[in-house]
Protein backbone atom coordinates (compact mmCIF):
# COMPACT_ATOMS: atom_id res chain seq x y z
CA MET A 1 0.00 0.00 0.00
CA PRO A 2 1.48 3.38 -0.97
CA GLU A 3 0.39 5.14 2.22
CA ASP A 4 -0.38 3.90 5.68
CA THR A 5 -3.91 2.74 6.34
CA ALA A 6 -4.66 5.38 8.98
CA THR A 7 -3.81 8.13 6.48
CA GLN A 8 -5.99 6.51 3.84
CA VAL A 9 -8.92 6.41 6.28
CA GLN A 10 -8.36 10.07 7.25
CA ARG A 11 -8.55 10.95 3.53
CA TYR A 12 -11.76 8.90 3.28
CA ILE A 13 -13.33 10.83 6.20
CA ALA A 14 -12.20 14.11 4.60
CA ALA A 15 -13.87 13.12 1.33
CA TRP A 16 -17.18 12.57 3.14
CA ASN A 17 -16.80 16.06 4.67
CA GLU A 18 -15.88 17.81 1.41
CA THR A 19 -18.55 20.27 0.27
CA GLU A 20 -16.78 21.81 -2.73
CA PRO A 21 -17.87 19.76 -5.78
CA GLN A 22 -14.57 19.73 -7.71
CA ALA A 23 -12.50 18.89 -4.63
CA ARG A 24 -14.97 16.16 -3.66
CA ARG A 25 -14.84 14.68 -7.17
CA ARG A 26 -11.03 14.61 -7.05
CA ALA A 27 -11.04 13.04 -3.59
CA VAL A 28 -13.47 10.29 -4.64
CA ALA A 29 -11.44 9.54 -7.77
CA ALA A 30 -8.23 9.31 -5.76
CA LEU A 31 -9.71 7.12 -3.01
CA PHE A 32 -11.89 4.65 -4.90
CA THR A 33 -11.41 2.29 -7.83
CA GLU A 34 -13.49 3.17 -10.90
CA ASP A 35 -16.11 0.49 -10.21
CA ALA A 36 -15.95 0.60 -6.41
CA ARG A 37 -19.06 -0.34 -4.47
CA TYR A 38 -20.29 1.50 -1.37
CA VAL A 39 -23.17 -0.03 0.56
CA ASP A 40 -24.80 0.80 3.90
CA PRO A 41 -28.36 0.39 5.23
CA LEU A 42 -29.51 3.46 3.27
CA VAL A 43 -27.72 3.20 -0.07
CA ASP A 44 -26.02 0.77 -2.45
CA VAL A 45 -23.99 2.53 -5.15
CA ARG A 46 -21.16 1.79 -7.58
CA GLY A 47 -18.53 3.92 -9.24
CA HIS A 48 -17.29 7.41 -8.62
CA ASP A 49 -20.58 9.08 -9.62
CA GLY A 50 -22.63 6.86 -7.30
CA ILE A 51 -20.30 7.37 -4.35
CA GLU A 52 -20.19 11.11 -4.89
CA ALA A 53 -24.01 11.21 -5.07
CA ALA A 54 -24.20 9.35 -1.74
CA ILE A 55 -21.89 11.94 -0.14
CA VAL A 56 -23.93 14.82 -1.57
CA ALA A 57 -27.13 13.24 -0.22
CA VAL A 58 -25.70 13.21 3.32
CA HIS A 59 -24.78 16.91 3.03
CA GLU A 60 -28.26 17.74 1.74
CA GLN A 61 -30.00 15.78 4.49
CA LEU A 62 -27.70 16.90 7.34
CA PRO A 63 -26.20 20.28 6.40
CA GLY A 64 -23.30 21.38 8.56
CA TRP A 65 -22.76 17.93 10.09
CA VAL A 66 -19.28 16.45 9.92
CA PHE A 67 -17.79 12.98 9.99
CA ARG A 68 -14.99 12.24 12.45
CA LEU A 69 -12.88 9.17 13.02
CA ALA A 70 -14.12 7.75 16.34
CA GLY A 71 -11.54 5.15 17.23
CA PRO A 72 -8.51 3.28 16.00
CA VAL A 73 -8.09 1.98 12.48
CA ASP A 74 -7.69 -1.79 12.33
CA ALA A 75 -6.27 -3.44 9.22
CA HIS A 76 -4.80 -6.63 7.86
CA HIS A 77 -4.04 -7.81 4.35
CA ASP A 78 -6.24 -5.70 2.08
CA GLN A 79 -8.99 -5.10 4.67
CA VAL A 80 -9.61 -2.18 6.98
CA ARG A 81 -12.25 -1.36 9.59
CA PHE A 82 -12.92 1.76 11.58
CA THR A 83 -15.59 3.58 13.55
CA TRP A 84 -16.78 7.06 12.69
CA SER A 85 -19.20 9.60 14.10
CA LEU A 86 -21.47 12.12 12.42
CA GLY A 87 -22.92 15.23 13.98
CA PRO A 88 -22.87 19.01 14.20
CA GLU A 89 -19.43 20.62 14.26
CA GLY A 90 -18.29 20.89 17.87
CA GLY A 91 -21.30 19.02 19.23
CA GLU A 92 -22.01 15.53 20.49
CA PRO A 93 -22.42 13.28 17.43
CA PRO A 94 -25.83 11.58 17.42
CA VAL A 95 -24.78 9.09 14.71
CA ILE A 96 -22.08 6.44 15.15
CA GLY A 97 -21.18 3.99 12.43
CA SER A 98 -18.48 1.65 11.33
CA ASP A 99 -17.11 0.76 7.93
CA VAL A 100 -15.30 -2.30 6.65
CA ALA A 101 -13.40 -1.75 3.42
CA VAL A 102 -11.40 -3.80 0.96
CA THR A 103 -8.59 -2.12 -0.92
CA ASP A 104 -7.15 -2.95 -4.31
CA GLY A 105 -3.58 -3.21 -3.00
CA ASP A 106 -2.65 0.15 -4.53
CA GLY A 107 -4.21 2.32 -1.85
CA ARG A 108 -7.70 2.65 -3.31
CA PHE A 109 -10.93 1.33 -1.86
CA ASP A 110 -12.72 -1.25 -4.00
CA ARG A 111 -15.58 -2.07 -1.62
CA VAL A 112 -16.89 -0.34 1.49
CA CYS A 113 -19.61 -1.80 3.67
CA GLY A 114 -21.01 0.65 6.21
CA PHE A 115 -23.03 -0.05 9.33
CA LEU A 116 -25.09 2.37 11.41
CA ASP A 117 -24.36 1.50 15.03
CA ARG A 118 -26.30 4.37 16.62
CA VAL A 119 -28.87 6.64 15.01
CA PRO A 120 -31.29 9.08 16.61
CA GLN A 121 -34.86 7.90 17.05
CA GLN A 122 -37.24 9.77 14.76
């Protein structure tokens, strides 16, 4: 892997926080393989366009909320898992999730499976 896994995950979190369209597009292209799949309980998308659309949807639904890494990054072989939080900047995050990803061996994510561990009751 060309960079350490923790750095790759930090870049992944930053991509989910990116609001500027061109910068977000570049981040997604750098982080994911062309036909990468991202799936969580709310969405199942493939490719850069699908992943970017999923990120945009989060920003539209929860404006001003930010993702943060919420624990250590654990990795072996081409697999990585980590916990993240999502909430208002500077506030207690009401959403906690975890992702398990598979990389392509060249530092790009090929598959990401997300789980929502804690979500606010509606």
